[in-house]
Structure formats: C-alpha cells, structure tokens
Amino acid sequence: MKRVLIVDDAAFMRMSLRKIMVENGFEVVGEAENGKEALEKYNELQPDIVTLDITMPEMDGITALKGLMKLDPNANVVIVSAMGQESYVREAVMAGAKNFIVKPFNKDHVIKVLNSL
C-alpha cells in the first residue's frame, strides 16, 4: 500500500483527495497546509508519494518541491494545480515533479497518476 502526504492549503481539497485515495487502497499518512509544513512532515512520515498544491501561503509549492528534492532526490511528487497555472507546472516538472493533476480533478485520473509512480 502506497503511503501519501497531501499538501494543500484548502481543507476541502485535502478532504477530497483523501477520500479518493483511501477508497482506492492508498494510505494517507499525513496532511499539510503549506510548503513549510510539508517539508517537516516529509521528514517525519517518509511517504511514498506527495501531492503538492502550487499556490499556498507561507511557502509555495515550487519552493517546497525544490526543498523536497534536496531532502530526497527520488521523492515522488505530484503537483496538483488549477487550470491556468501551466507555467508553474512546467517549472515544477523541471524541478523534479513526477507528474501533475489539474483541478478540478477527475477521480480516475488521480488514481491513474498515483498508480504510475
């Protein structure tokens, strides 16, 4: 069972992703509201996958992604972003993100992306 850390400043998004993952055999080991919290929880929880929002307070997703890749160059990070943030998604992939999911997300696509890791 793959262990996932969900990072998004919107509680509703975290709850939606958690529901999809749990219903499809993933273990959600933690949640974070911003990039700073994500780095702390990654060290503590050592998840197999991180879903990472781009636009967040305190530390954005791109900065957090770069920090995660320094902690673990093999980290499986999936960017979850809203439509219209394509330039950020490109930057994230170049910084080490393995894939991305566009909000509003489709449940089947989320599972397909997570299973590909």
PDB file of N, CA and C in Angstrom:
ATOM      1  N   MET A   1       0.838  -1.184   0.000  1.00  0.00           N
ATOM      2  CA  MET A   1       0.000   0.000   0.000  1.00  0.00           C
ATOM      3  C   MET A   1       0.882   1.246   0.000  1.00  0.00           C
ATOM      4  N   LYS A   2       0.669   2.123  -0.981  1.00  0.00           N
ATOM      5  CA  LYS A   2       1.474   3.342  -1.060  1.00  0.00           C
ATOM      6  C   LYS A   2       0.999   4.366  -0.032  1.00  0.00           C
ATOM      7  N   ARG A   3       1.976   4.996   0.622  1.00  0.00           N
ATOM      8  CA  ARG A   3       1.716   5.973   1.677  1.00  0.00           C
ATOM      9  C   ARG A   3       1.827   7.380   1.102  1.00  0.00           C
ATOM     10  N   VAL A   4       0.803   8.216   1.353  1.00  0.00           N
ATOM     11  CA  VAL A   4       0.714   9.520   0.709  1.00  0.00           C
ATOM     12  C   VAL A   4       0.648  10.655   1.731  1.00  0.00           C
ATOM     13  N   LEU A   5       1.339  11.754   1.405  1.00  0.00           N
ATOM     14  CA  LEU A   5       1.236  13.014   2.136  1.00  0.00           C
ATOM     15  C   LEU A   5       0.525  13.997   1.213  1.00  0.00           C
ATOM     16  N   ILE A   6      -0.588  14.559   1.674  1.00  0.00           N
ATOM     17  CA  ILE A   6      -1.369  15.510   0.884  1.00  0.00           C
ATOM     18  C   ILE A   6      -1.045  16.925   1.366  1.00  0.00           C
ATOM     19  N   VAL A   7      -0.641  17.787   0.427  1.00  0.00           N
ATOM     20  CA  VAL A   7      -0.283  19.163   0.773  1.00  0.00           C
ATOM     21  C   VAL A   7      -1.150  20.128  -0.040  1.00  0.00           C
ATOM     22  N   ASP A   8      -2.018  20.854   0.667  1.00  0.00           N
ATOM     23  CA  ASP A   8      -2.892  21.851   0.025  1.00  0.00           C
ATOM     24  C   ASP A   8      -3.413  22.762   1.122  1.00  0.00           C
ATOM     25  N   ASP A   9      -3.476  24.062   0.849  1.00  0.00           N
ATOM     26  CA  ASP A   9      -3.969  24.988   1.871  1.00  0.00           C
ATOM     27  C   ASP A   9      -5.481  24.926   2.029  1.00  0.00           C
ATOM     28  N   ALA A  10      -6.191  24.342   1.066  1.00  0.00           N
ATOM     29  CA  ALA A  10      -7.651  24.232   1.145  1.00  0.00           C
ATOM     30  C   ALA A  10      -8.051  22.895   1.767  1.00  0.00           C
ATOM     31  N   ALA A  11      -8.705  22.974   2.920  1.00  0.00           N
ATOM     32  CA  ALA A  11      -9.138  21.761   3.624  1.00  0.00           C
ATOM     33  C   ALA A  11     -10.048  20.906   2.748  1.00  0.00           C
ATOM     34  N   PHE A  12     -10.908  21.537   1.954  1.00  0.00           N
ATOM     35  CA  PHE A  12     -11.815  20.793   1.084  1.00  0.00           C
ATOM     36  C   PHE A  12     -11.039  19.961   0.067  1.00  0.00           C
ATOM     37  N   MET A  13      -9.970  20.518  -0.504  1.00  0.00           N
ATOM     38  CA  MET A  13      -9.149  19.779  -1.476  1.00  0.00           C
ATOM     39  C   MET A  13      -8.455  18.593  -0.803  1.00  0.00           C
ATOM     40  N   ARG A  14      -7.922  18.827   0.390  1.00  0.00           N
ATOM     41  CA  ARG A  14      -7.270  17.724   1.112  1.00  0.00           C
ATOM     42  C   ARG A  14      -8.278  16.619   1.399  1.00  0.00           C
ATOM     43  N   MET A  15      -9.470  16.997   1.828  1.00  0.00           N
ATOM     44  CA  MET A  15     -10.503  16.017   2.141  1.00  0.00           C
ATOM     45  C   MET A  15     -10.919  15.247   0.880  1.00  0.00           C
ATOM     46  N   SER A  16     -11.075  15.953  -0.236  1.00  0.00           N
ATOM     47  CA  SER A  16     -11.466  15.299  -1.497  1.00  0.00           C
ATOM     48  C   SER A  16     -10.407  14.307  -1.958  1.00  0.00           C
ATOM     49  N   LEU A  17      -9.148  14.728  -1.921  1.00  0.00           N
ATOM     50  CA  LEU A  17      -8.060  13.825  -2.321  1.00  0.00           C
ATOM     51  C   LEU A  17      -7.973  12.629  -1.376  1.00  0.00           C
ATOM     52  N   ARG A  18      -8.078  12.878  -0.069  1.00  0.00           N
ATOM     53  CA  ARG A  18      -8.026  11.793   0.915  1.00  0.00           C
ATOM     54  C   ARG A  18      -9.087  10.743   0.613  1.00  0.00           C
ATOM     55  N   LYS A  19     -10.323  11.195   0.370  1.00  0.00           N
ATOM     56  CA  LYS A  19     -11.430  10.268   0.101  1.00  0.00           C
ATOM     57  C   LYS A  19     -11.122   9.396  -1.118  1.00  0.00           C
ATOM     58  N   ILE A  20     -10.676  10.022  -2.207  1.00  0.00           N
ATOM     59  CA  ILE A  20     -10.341   9.276  -3.434  1.00  0.00           C
ATOM     60  C   ILE A  20      -9.248   8.249  -3.157  1.00  0.00           C
ATOM     61  N   MET A  21      -8.213   8.669  -2.440  1.00  0.00           N
ATOM     62  CA  MET A  21      -7.072   7.780  -2.188  1.00  0.00           C
ATOM     63  C   MET A  21      -7.445   6.604  -1.299  1.00  0.00           C
ATOM     64  N   VAL A  22      -8.117   6.891  -0.199  1.00  0.00           N
ATOM     65  CA  VAL A  22      -8.481   5.831   0.744  1.00  0.00           C
ATOM     66  C   VAL A  22      -9.401   4.810   0.075  1.00  0.00           C
ATOM     67  N   GLU A  23     -10.352   5.291  -0.721  1.00  0.00           N
ATOM     68  CA  GLU A  23     -11.274   4.386  -1.425  1.00  0.00           C
ATOM     69  C   GLU A  23     -10.563   3.509  -2.451  1.00  0.00           C
ATOM     70  N   ASN A  24      -9.337   3.899  -2.830  1.00  0.00           N
ATOM     71  CA  ASN A  24      -8.608   3.151  -3.857  1.00  0.00           C
ATOM     72  C   ASN A  24      -7.327   2.510  -3.335  1.00  0.00           C
ATOM     73  N   GLY A  25      -7.270   2.272  -2.032  1.00  0.00           N
ATOM     74  CA  GLY A  25      -6.197   1.476  -1.464  1.00  0.00           C
ATOM     75  C   GLY A  25      -4.916   2.204  -1.106  1.00  0.00           C
ATOM     76  N   PHE A  26      -4.944   3.539  -1.062  1.00  0.00           N
ATOM     77  CA  PHE A  26      -3.764   4.288  -0.639  1.00  0.00           C
ATOM     78  C   PHE A  26      -3.907   4.623   0.841  1.00  0.00           C
ATOM     79  N   GLU A  27      -2.792   4.730   1.526  1.00  0.00           N
ATOM     80  CA  GLU A  27      -2.800   5.118   2.930  1.00  0.00           C
ATOM     81  C   GLU A  27      -2.348   6.574   3.025  1.00  0.00           C
ATOM     82  N   VAL A  28      -3.236   7.439   3.503  1.00  0.00           N
ATOM     83  CA  VAL A  28      -2.877   8.850   3.685  1.00  0.00           C
ATOM     84  C   VAL A  28      -2.239   8.962   5.071  1.00  0.00           C
ATOM     85  N   VAL A  29      -0.930   9.184   5.076  1.00  0.00           N
ATOM     86  CA  VAL A  29      -0.189   9.205   6.342  1.00  0.00           C
ATOM     87  C   VAL A  29      -0.135  10.589   6.964  1.00  0.00           C
ATOM     88  N   GLY A  30      -0.494  11.620   6.184  1.00  0.00           N
ATOM     89  CA  GLY A  30      -0.478  12.961   6.738  1.00  0.00           C
ATOM     90  C   GLY A  30      -0.977  13.992   5.762  1.00  0.00           C
ATOM     91  N   GLU A  31      -1.234  15.190   6.314  1.00  0.00           N
ATOM     92  CA  GLU A  31      -1.663  16.331   5.518  1.00  0.00           C
ATOM     93  C   GLU A  31      -0.887  17.545   5.982  1.00  0.00           C
ATOM     94  N   ALA A  32      -0.679  18.483   5.062  1.00  0.00           N
ATOM     95  CA  ALA A  32      -0.012  19.734   5.387  1.00  0.00           C
ATOM     96  C   ALA A  32      -0.733  20.872   4.674  1.00  0.00           C
ATOM     97  N   GLU A  33      -0.731  22.064   5.303  1.00  0.00           N
ATOM     98  CA  GLU A  33      -1.433  23.227   4.760  1.00  0.00           C
ATOM     99  C   GLU A  33      -0.538  24.157   3.958  1.00  0.00           C
ATOM    100  N   ASN A  34       0.786  23.947   4.027  1.00  0.00           N
ATOM    101  CA  ASN A  34       1.705  24.805   3.275  1.00  0.00           C
ATOM    102  C   ASN A  34       3.026  24.065   3.057  1.00  0.00           C
ATOM    103  N   GLY A  35       3.890  24.663   2.272  1.00  0.00           N
ATOM    104  CA  GLY A  35       5.152  24.015   1.923  1.00  0.00           C
ATOM    105  C   GLY A  35       6.077  23.789   3.104  1.00  0.00           C
ATOM    106  N   LYS A  36       6.100  24.735   4.024  1.00  0.00           N
ATOM    107  CA  LYS A  36       6.964  24.603   5.203  1.00  0.00           C
ATOM    108  C   LYS A  36       6.562  23.372   6.011  1.00  0.00           C
ATOM    109  N   GLU A  37       5.255  23.246   6.227  1.00  0.00           N
ATOM    110  CA  GLU A  37       4.731  22.087   6.954  1.00  0.00           C
ATOM    111  C   GLU A  37       5.003  20.795   6.176  1.00  0.00           C
ATOM    112  N   ALA A  38       4.935  20.871   4.857  1.00  0.00           N
ATOM    113  CA  ALA A  38       5.177  19.697   4.011  1.00  0.00           C
ATOM    114  C   ALA A  38       6.592  19.156   4.209  1.00  0.00           C
ATOM    115  N   LEU A  39       7.575  20.056   4.258  1.00  0.00           N
ATOM    116  CA  LEU A  39       8.965  19.625   4.454  1.00  0.00           C
ATOM    117  C   LEU A  39       9.140  18.939   5.809  1.00  0.00           C
ATOM    118  N   GLU A  40       8.533  19.515   6.846  1.00  0.00           N
ATOM    119  CA  GLU A  40       8.623  18.916   8.187  1.00  0.00           C
ATOM    120  C   GLU A  40       7.974  17.535   8.209  1.00  0.00           C
ATOM    121  N   LYS A  41       6.772  17.440   7.625  1.00  0.00           N
ATOM    122  CA  LYS A  41       6.045  16.169   7.646  1.00  0.00           C
ATOM    123  C   LYS A  41       6.710  15.124   6.754  1.00  0.00           C
ATOM    124  N   TYR A  42       7.341  15.547   5.658  1.00  0.00           N
ATOM    125  CA  TYR A  42       8.033  14.587   4.793  1.00  0.00           C
ATOM    126  C   TYR A  42       9.147  13.904   5.584  1.00  0.00           C
ATOM    127  N   ASN A  43       9.920  14.699   6.312  1.00  0.00           N
ATOM    128  CA  ASN A  43      10.999  14.132   7.129  1.00  0.00           C
ATOM    129  C   ASN A  43      10.463  13.171   8.175  1.00  0.00           C
ATOM    130  N   GLU A  44       9.370  13.558   8.797  1.00  0.00           N
ATOM    131  CA  GLU A  44       8.785  12.771   9.880  1.00  0.00           C
ATOM    132  C   GLU A  44       8.116  11.496   9.378  1.00  0.00           C
ATOM    133  N   LEU A  45       7.355  11.591   8.284  1.00  0.00           N
ATOM    134  CA  LEU A  45       6.494  10.491   7.840  1.00  0.00           C
ATOM    135  C   LEU A  45       7.086   9.610   6.743  1.00  0.00           C
ATOM    136  N   GLN A  46       8.053  10.138   5.976  1.00  0.00           N
ATOM    137  CA  GLN A  46       8.673   9.396   4.872  1.00  0.00           C
ATOM    138  C   GLN A  46       7.638   8.743   3.951  1.00  0.00           C
ATOM    139  N   PRO A  47       6.738   9.554   3.362  1.00  0.00           N
ATOM    140  CA  PRO A  47       5.710   8.984   2.478  1.00  0.00           C
ATOM    141  C   PRO A  47       6.307   8.501   1.156  1.00  0.00           C
ATOM    142  N   ASP A  48       5.555   7.641   0.463  1.00  0.00           N
ATOM    143  CA  ASP A  48       5.966   7.166  -0.862  1.00  0.00           C
ATOM    144  C   ASP A  48       5.640   8.199  -1.938  1.00  0.00           C
ATOM    145  N   ILE A  49       4.565   8.980  -1.702  1.00  0.00           N
ATOM    146  CA  ILE A  49       4.085   9.958  -2.676  1.00  0.00           C
ATOM    147  C   ILE A  49       3.675  11.233  -1.934  1.00  0.00           C
ATOM    148  N   VAL A  50       3.924  12.381  -2.573  1.00  0.00           N
ATOM    149  CA  VAL A  50       3.444  13.663  -2.051  1.00  0.00           C
ATOM    150  C   VAL A  50       2.607  14.317  -3.141  1.00  0.00           C
ATOM    151  N   THR A  51       1.366  14.718  -2.800  1.00  0.00           N
ATOM    152  CA  THR A  51       0.594  15.555  -3.717  1.00  0.00           C
ATOM    153  C   THR A  51       0.774  16.978  -3.215  1.00  0.00           C
ATOM    154  N   LEU A  52       1.120  17.887  -4.114  1.00  0.00           N
ATOM    155  CA  LEU A  52       1.563  19.218  -3.713  1.00  0.00           C
ATOM    156  C   LEU A  52       0.865  20.313  -4.512  1.00  0.00           C
ATOM    157  N   ASP A  53       0.119  21.148  -3.809  1.00  0.00           N
ATOM    158  CA  ASP A  53      -0.516  22.314  -4.423  1.00  0.00           C
ATOM    159  C   ASP A  53       0.577  23.333  -4.741  1.00  0.00           C
ATOM    160  N   ILE A  54       0.346  24.206  -5.703  1.00  0.00           N
ATOM    161  CA  ILE A  54       1.347  25.222  -6.045  1.00  0.00           C
ATOM    162  C   ILE A  54       1.137  26.496  -5.236  1.00  0.00           C
ATOM    163  N   THR A  55      -0.090  27.005  -5.230  1.00  0.00           N
ATOM    164  CA  THR A  55      -0.363  28.298  -4.593  1.00  0.00           C
ATOM    165  C   THR A  55      -0.791  28.084  -3.146  1.00  0.00           C
ATOM    166  N   MET A  56       0.128  28.403  -2.216  1.00  0.00           N
ATOM    167  CA  MET A  56      -0.136  28.246  -0.786  1.00  0.00           C
ATOM    168  C   MET A  56       0.548  29.373  -0.024  1.00  0.00           C
ATOM    169  N   PRO A  57       0.032  29.697   1.169  1.00  0.00           N
ATOM    170  CA  PRO A  57       0.694  30.715   1.988  1.00  0.00           C
ATOM    171  C   PRO A  57       1.970  30.166   2.626  1.00  0.00           C
ATOM    172  N   GLU A  58       2.767  31.024   3.144  1.00  0.00           N
ATOM    173  CA  GLU A  58       3.994  30.730   3.890  1.00  0.00           C
ATOM    174  C   GLU A  58       5.124  30.189   3.021  1.00  0.00           C
ATOM    175  N   MET A  59       4.882  29.106   2.305  1.00  0.00           N
ATOM    176  CA  MET A  59       5.862  28.585   1.340  1.00  0.00           C
ATOM    177  C   MET A  59       5.082  27.936   0.205  1.00  0.00           C
ATOM    178  N   ASP A  60       5.274  28.446  -1.023  1.00  0.00           N
ATOM    179  CA  ASP A  60       4.536  27.915  -2.169  1.00  0.00           C
ATOM    180  C   ASP A  60       5.035  26.525  -2.562  1.00  0.00           C
ATOM    181  N   GLY A  61       4.281  25.891  -3.446  1.00  0.00           N
ATOM    182  CA  GLY A  61       4.588  24.528  -3.847  1.00  0.00           C
ATOM    183  C   GLY A  61       5.894  24.363  -4.605  1.00  0.00           C
ATOM    184  N   ILE A  62       6.266  25.343  -5.429  1.00  0.00           N
ATOM    185  CA  ILE A  62       7.518  25.243  -6.190  1.00  0.00           C
ATOM    186  C   ILE A  62       8.711  25.258  -5.232  1.00  0.00           C
ATOM    187  N   THR A  63       8.686  26.175  -4.274  1.00  0.00           N
ATOM    188  CA  THR A  63       9.766  26.257  -3.279  1.00  0.00           C
ATOM    189  C   THR A  63       9.809  24.977  -2.444  1.00  0.00           C
ATOM    190  N   ALA A  64       8.630  24.486  -2.054  1.00  0.00           N
ATOM    191  CA  ALA A  64       8.565  23.242  -1.279  1.00  0.00           C
ATOM    192  C   ALA A  64       9.098  22.063  -2.083  1.00  0.00           C
ATOM    193  N   LEU A  65       8.734  22.010  -3.367  1.00  0.00           N
ATOM    194  CA  LEU A  65       9.215  20.937  -4.242  1.00  0.00           C
ATOM    195  C   LEU A  65      10.736  20.919  -4.292  1.00  0.00           C
ATOM    196  N   LYS A  66      11.330  22.089  -4.474  1.00  0.00           N
ATOM    197  CA  LYS A  66      12.792  22.165  -4.520  1.00  0.00           C
ATOM    198  C   LYS A  66      13.398  21.697  -3.198  1.00  0.00           C
ATOM    199  N   GLY A  67      12.760  22.037  -2.087  1.00  0.00           N
ATOM    200  CA  GLY A  67      13.220  21.575  -0.778  1.00  0.00           C
ATOM    201  C   GLY A  67      13.079  20.072  -0.622  1.00  0.00           C
ATOM    202  N   LEU A  68      11.967  19.524  -1.094  1.00  0.00           N
ATOM    203  CA  LEU A  68      11.753  18.071  -1.019  1.00  0.00           C
ATOM    204  C   LEU A  68      12.795  17.324  -1.847  1.00  0.00           C
ATOM    205  N   MET A  69      13.126  17.860  -3.023  1.00  0.00           N
ATOM    206  CA  MET A  69      14.103  17.195  -3.888  1.00  0.00           C
ATOM    207  C   MET A  69      15.504  17.242  -3.277  1.00  0.00           C
ATOM    208  N   LYS A  70      15.785  18.290  -2.475  1.00  0.00           N
ATOM    209  CA  LYS A  70      17.070  18.328  -1.767  1.00  0.00           C
ATOM    210  C   LYS A  70      17.090  17.278  -0.660  1.00  0.00           C
ATOM    211  N   LEU A  71      15.956  17.119   0.029  1.00  0.00           N
ATOM    212  CA  LEU A  71      15.867  16.112   1.087  1.00  0.00           C
ATOM    213  C   LEU A  71      15.963  14.702   0.509  1.00  0.00           C
ATOM    214  N   ASP A  72      15.287  14.492  -0.631  1.00  0.00           N
ATOM    215  CA  ASP A  72      15.212  13.168  -1.236  1.00  0.00           C
ATOM    216  C   ASP A  72      15.088  13.311  -2.753  1.00  0.00           C
ATOM    217  N   PRO A  73      16.209  13.198  -3.471  1.00  0.00           N
ATOM    218  CA  PRO A  73      16.176  13.347  -4.933  1.00  0.00           C
ATOM    219  C   PRO A  73      15.259  12.352  -5.638  1.00  0.00           C
ATOM    220  N   ASN A  74      14.866  11.281  -4.952  1.00  0.00           N
ATOM    221  CA  ASN A  74      13.982  10.273  -5.539  1.00  0.00           C
ATOM    222  C   ASN A  74      12.528  10.435  -5.114  1.00  0.00           C
ATOM    223  N   ALA A  75      12.199  11.532  -4.459  1.00  0.00           N
ATOM    224  CA  ALA A  75      10.830  11.752  -3.975  1.00  0.00           C
ATOM    225  C   ALA A  75       9.834  11.723  -5.134  1.00  0.00           C
ATOM    226  N   ASN A  76       8.693  11.081  -4.893  1.00  0.00           N
ATOM    227  CA  ASN A  76       7.609  11.027  -5.879  1.00  0.00           C
ATOM    228  C   ASN A  76       6.623  12.142  -5.568  1.00  0.00           C
ATOM    229  N   VAL A  77       6.789  13.269  -6.249  1.00  0.00           N
ATOM    230  CA  VAL A  77       5.932  14.431  -6.005  1.00  0.00           C
ATOM    231  C   VAL A  77       5.035  14.653  -7.218  1.00  0.00           C
ATOM    232  N   VAL A  78       3.736  14.789  -6.942  1.00  0.00           N
ATOM    233  CA  VAL A  78       2.747  15.075  -7.974  1.00  0.00           C
ATOM    234  C   VAL A  78       2.180  16.460  -7.685  1.00  0.00           C
ATOM    235  N   ILE A  79       2.282  17.358  -8.643  1.00  0.00           N
ATOM    236  CA  ILE A  79       1.742  18.709  -8.494  1.00  0.00           C
ATOM    237  C   ILE A  79       0.240  18.675  -8.756  1.00  0.00           C
ATOM    238  N   VAL A  80      -0.515  19.346  -7.898  1.00  0.00           N
ATOM    239  CA  VAL A  80      -1.957  19.484  -8.076  1.00  0.00           C
ATOM    240  C   VAL A  80      -2.214  20.974  -8.241  1.00  0.00           C
ATOM    241  N   SER A  81      -2.602  21.387  -9.455  1.00  0.00           N
ATOM    242  CA  SER A  81      -2.739  22.821  -9.706  1.00  0.00           C
ATOM    243  C   SER A  81      -4.027  23.147 -10.437  1.00  0.00           C
ATOM    244  N   ALA A  82      -4.439  24.399 -10.319  1.00  0.00           N
ATOM    245  CA  ALA A  82      -5.629  24.872 -11.013  1.00  0.00           C
ATOM    246  C   ALA A  82      -5.306  25.137 -12.480  1.00  0.00           C
ATOM    247  N   MET A  83      -6.329  25.127 -13.292  1.00  0.00           N
ATOM    248  CA  MET A  83      -6.170  25.496 -14.700  1.00  0.00           C
ATOM    249  C   MET A  83      -5.554  26.888 -14.754  1.00  0.00           C
ATOM    250  N   GLY A  84      -4.749  27.151 -15.760  1.00  0.00           N
ATOM    251  CA  GLY A  84      -4.161  28.468 -15.907  1.00  0.00           C
ATOM    252  C   GLY A  84      -2.806  28.609 -15.243  1.00  0.00           C
ATOM    253  N   GLN A  85      -2.311  27.534 -14.629  1.00  0.00           N
ATOM    254  CA  GLN A  85      -1.006  27.592 -13.967  1.00  0.00           C
ATOM    255  C   GLN A  85       0.028  26.754 -14.706  1.00  0.00           C
ATOM    256  N   GLU A  86      -0.124  26.659 -16.027  1.00  0.00           N
ATOM    257  CA  GLU A  86       0.734  25.798 -16.836  1.00  0.00           C
ATOM    258  C   GLU A  86       2.216  26.134 -16.698  1.00  0.00           C
ATOM    259  N   SER A  87       2.545  27.420 -16.601  1.00  0.00           N
ATOM    260  CA  SER A  87       3.963  27.788 -16.499  1.00  0.00           C
ATOM    261  C   SER A  87       4.557  27.267 -15.189  1.00  0.00           C
ATOM    262  N   TYR A  88       3.757  27.278 -14.127  1.00  0.00           N
ATOM    263  CA  TYR A  88       4.224  26.734 -12.842  1.00  0.00           C
ATOM    264  C   TYR A  88       4.394  25.219 -12.926  1.00  0.00           C
ATOM    265  N   VAL A  89       3.476  24.572 -13.629  1.00  0.00           N
ATOM    266  CA  VAL A  89       3.565  23.114 -13.783  1.00  0.00           C
ATOM    267  C   VAL A  89       4.848  22.750 -14.527  1.00  0.00           C
ATOM    268  N   ARG A  90       5.162  23.491 -15.596  1.00  0.00           N
ATOM    269  CA  ARG A  90       6.402  23.234 -16.346  1.00  0.00           C
ATOM    270  C   ARG A  90       7.616  23.412 -15.428  1.00  0.00           C
ATOM    271  N   GLU A  91       7.613  24.498 -14.657  1.00  0.00           N
ATOM    272  CA  GLU A  91       8.717  24.746 -13.735  1.00  0.00           C
ATOM    273  C   GLU A  91       8.832  23.611 -12.717  1.00  0.00           C
ATOM    274  N   ALA A  92       7.689  23.124 -12.240  1.00  0.00           N
ATOM    275  CA  ALA A  92       7.678  22.047 -11.250  1.00  0.00           C
ATOM    276  C   ALA A  92       8.239  20.752 -11.833  1.00  0.00           C
ATOM    277  N   VAL A  93       7.863  20.430 -13.056  1.00  0.00           N
ATOM    278  CA  VAL A  93       8.373  19.208 -13.699  1.00  0.00           C
ATOM    279  C   VAL A  93       9.889  19.324 -13.891  1.00  0.00           C
ATOM    280  N   MET A  94      10.340  20.509 -14.277  1.00  0.00           N
ATOM    281  CA  MET A  94      11.785  20.706 -14.441  1.00  0.00           C
ATOM    282  C   MET A  94      12.520  20.614 -13.098  1.00  0.00           C
ATOM    283  N   ALA A  95      11.823  20.939 -12.004  1.00  0.00           N
ATOM    284  CA  ALA A  95      12.436  20.889 -10.676  1.00  0.00           C
ATOM    285  C   ALA A  95      12.340  19.499 -10.041  1.00  0.00           C
ATOM    286  N   GLY A  96      11.678  18.550 -10.729  1.00  0.00           N
ATOM    287  CA  GLY A  96      11.669  17.181 -10.222  1.00  0.00           C
ATOM    288  C   GLY A  96      10.320  16.543  -9.982  1.00  0.00           C
ATOM    289  N   ALA A  97       9.227  17.270 -10.194  1.00  0.00           N
ATOM    290  CA  ALA A  97       7.904  16.659 -10.026  1.00  0.00           C
ATOM    291  C   ALA A  97       7.740  15.526 -11.041  1.00  0.00           C
ATOM    292  N   LYS A  98       7.128  14.435 -10.610  1.00  0.00           N
ATOM    293  CA  LYS A  98       6.983  13.267 -11.482  1.00  0.00           C
ATOM    294  C   LYS A  98       5.769  13.369 -12.405  1.00  0.00           C
ATOM    295  N   ASN A  99       4.750  14.134 -11.977  1.00  0.00           N
ATOM    296  CA  ASN A  99       3.533  14.246 -12.773  1.00  0.00           C
ATOM    297  C   ASN A  99       2.708  15.391 -12.213  1.00  0.00           C
ATOM    298  N   PHE A 100       1.545  15.631 -12.813  1.00  0.00           N
ATOM    299  CA  PHE A 100       0.673  16.674 -12.294  1.00  0.00           C
ATOM    300  C   PHE A 100      -0.787  16.302 -12.508  1.00  0.00           C
ATOM    301  N   ILE A 101      -1.635  16.894 -11.678  1.00  0.00           N
ATOM    302  CA  ILE A 101      -3.079  16.708 -11.739  1.00  0.00           C
ATOM    303  C   ILE A 101      -3.673  18.111 -11.766  1.00  0.00           C
ATOM    304  N   VAL A 102      -4.620  18.346 -12.682  1.00  0.00           N
ATOM    305  CA  VAL A 102      -5.233  19.661 -12.802  1.00  0.00           C
ATOM    306  C   VAL A 102      -6.558  19.678 -12.032  1.00  0.00           C
ATOM    307  N   LYS A 103      -6.754  20.748 -11.233  1.00  0.00           N
ATOM    308  CA  LYS A 103      -8.025  20.953 -10.539  1.00  0.00           C
ATOM    309  C   LYS A 103      -8.993  21.631 -11.510  1.00  0.00           C
ATOM    310  N   PRO A 104     -10.275  21.329 -11.472  1.00  0.00           N
ATOM    311  CA  PRO A 104     -10.880  20.287 -10.651  1.00  0.00           C
ATOM    312  C   PRO A 104     -10.498  18.915 -11.197  1.00  0.00           C
ATOM    313  N   PHE A 105     -10.146  18.014 -10.306  1.00  0.00           N
ATOM    314  CA  PHE A 105      -9.601  16.739 -10.768  1.00  0.00           C
ATOM    315  C   PHE A 105     -10.672  15.676 -10.959  1.00  0.00           C
ATOM    316  N   ASN A 106     -10.322  14.735 -11.811  1.00  0.00           N
ATOM    317  CA  ASN A 106     -11.148  13.578 -12.112  1.00  0.00           C
ATOM    318  C   ASN A 106     -10.597  12.412 -11.291  1.00  0.00           C
ATOM    319  N   LYS A 107     -11.465  11.741 -10.558  1.00  0.00           N
ATOM    320  CA  LYS A 107     -11.052  10.655  -9.667  1.00  0.00           C
ATOM    321  C   LYS A 107     -10.213   9.594 -10.390  1.00  0.00           C
ATOM    322  N   ASP A 108     -10.660   9.168 -11.558  1.00  0.00           N
ATOM    323  CA  ASP A 108      -9.935   8.127 -12.300  1.00  0.00           C
ATOM    324  C   ASP A 108      -8.541   8.598 -12.714  1.00  0.00           C
ATOM    325  N   HIS A 109      -8.434   9.868 -13.091  1.00  0.00           N
ATOM    326  CA  HIS A 109      -7.125  10.417 -13.469  1.00  0.00           C
ATOM    327  C   HIS A 109      -6.186  10.472 -12.261  1.00  0.00           C
ATOM    328  N   VAL A 110      -6.714  10.879 -11.116  1.00  0.00           N
ATOM    329  CA  VAL A 110      -5.900  10.932  -9.885  1.00  0.00           C
ATOM    330  C   VAL A 110      -5.314   9.555  -9.604  1.00  0.00           C
ATOM    331  N   ILE A 111      -6.145   8.527  -9.642  1.00  0.00           N
ATOM    332  CA  ILE A 111      -5.684   7.161  -9.333  1.00  0.00           C
ATOM    333  C   ILE A 111      -4.690   6.675 -10.387  1.00  0.00           C
ATOM    334  N   LYS A 112      -4.947   6.990 -11.662  1.00  0.00           N
ATOM    335  CA  LYS A 112      -4.038   6.585 -12.732  1.00  0.00           C
ATOM    336  C   LYS A 112      -2.653   7.200 -12.510  1.00  0.00           C
ATOM    337  N   VAL A 113      -2.625   8.499 -12.180  1.00  0.00           N
ATOM    338  CA  VAL A 113      -1.335   9.187 -11.950  1.00  0.00           C
ATOM    339  C   VAL A 113      -0.620   8.579 -10.736  1.00  0.00           C
ATOM    340  N   LEU A 114      -1.329   8.372  -9.643  1.00  0.00           N
ATOM    341  CA  LEU A 114      -0.702   7.828  -8.436  1.00  0.00           C
ATOM    342  C   LEU A 114      -0.210   6.400  -8.651  1.00  0.00           C
ATOM    343  N   ASN A 115      -0.982   5.603  -9.375  1.00  0.00           N
ATOM    344  CA  ASN A 115      -0.559   4.222  -9.647  1.00  0.00           C
ATOM    345  C   ASN A 115       0.640   4.152 -10.579  1.00  0.00           C
ATOM    346  N   SER A 116       0.873   5.208 -11.347  1.00  0.00           N
ATOM    347  CA  SER A 116       2.008   5.202 -12.288  1.00  0.00           C
ATOM    348  C   SER A 116       3.351   5.395 -11.573  1.00  0.00           C
ATOM    349  N   LEU A 117       3.312   5.792 -10.319  1.00  0.00           N
ATOM    350  CA  LEU A 117       4.555   6.071  -9.580  1.00  0.00           C
ATOM    351  C   LEU A 117       5.113   4.815  -8.934  1.00  0.00           C
TER     352      LEU A 117
END
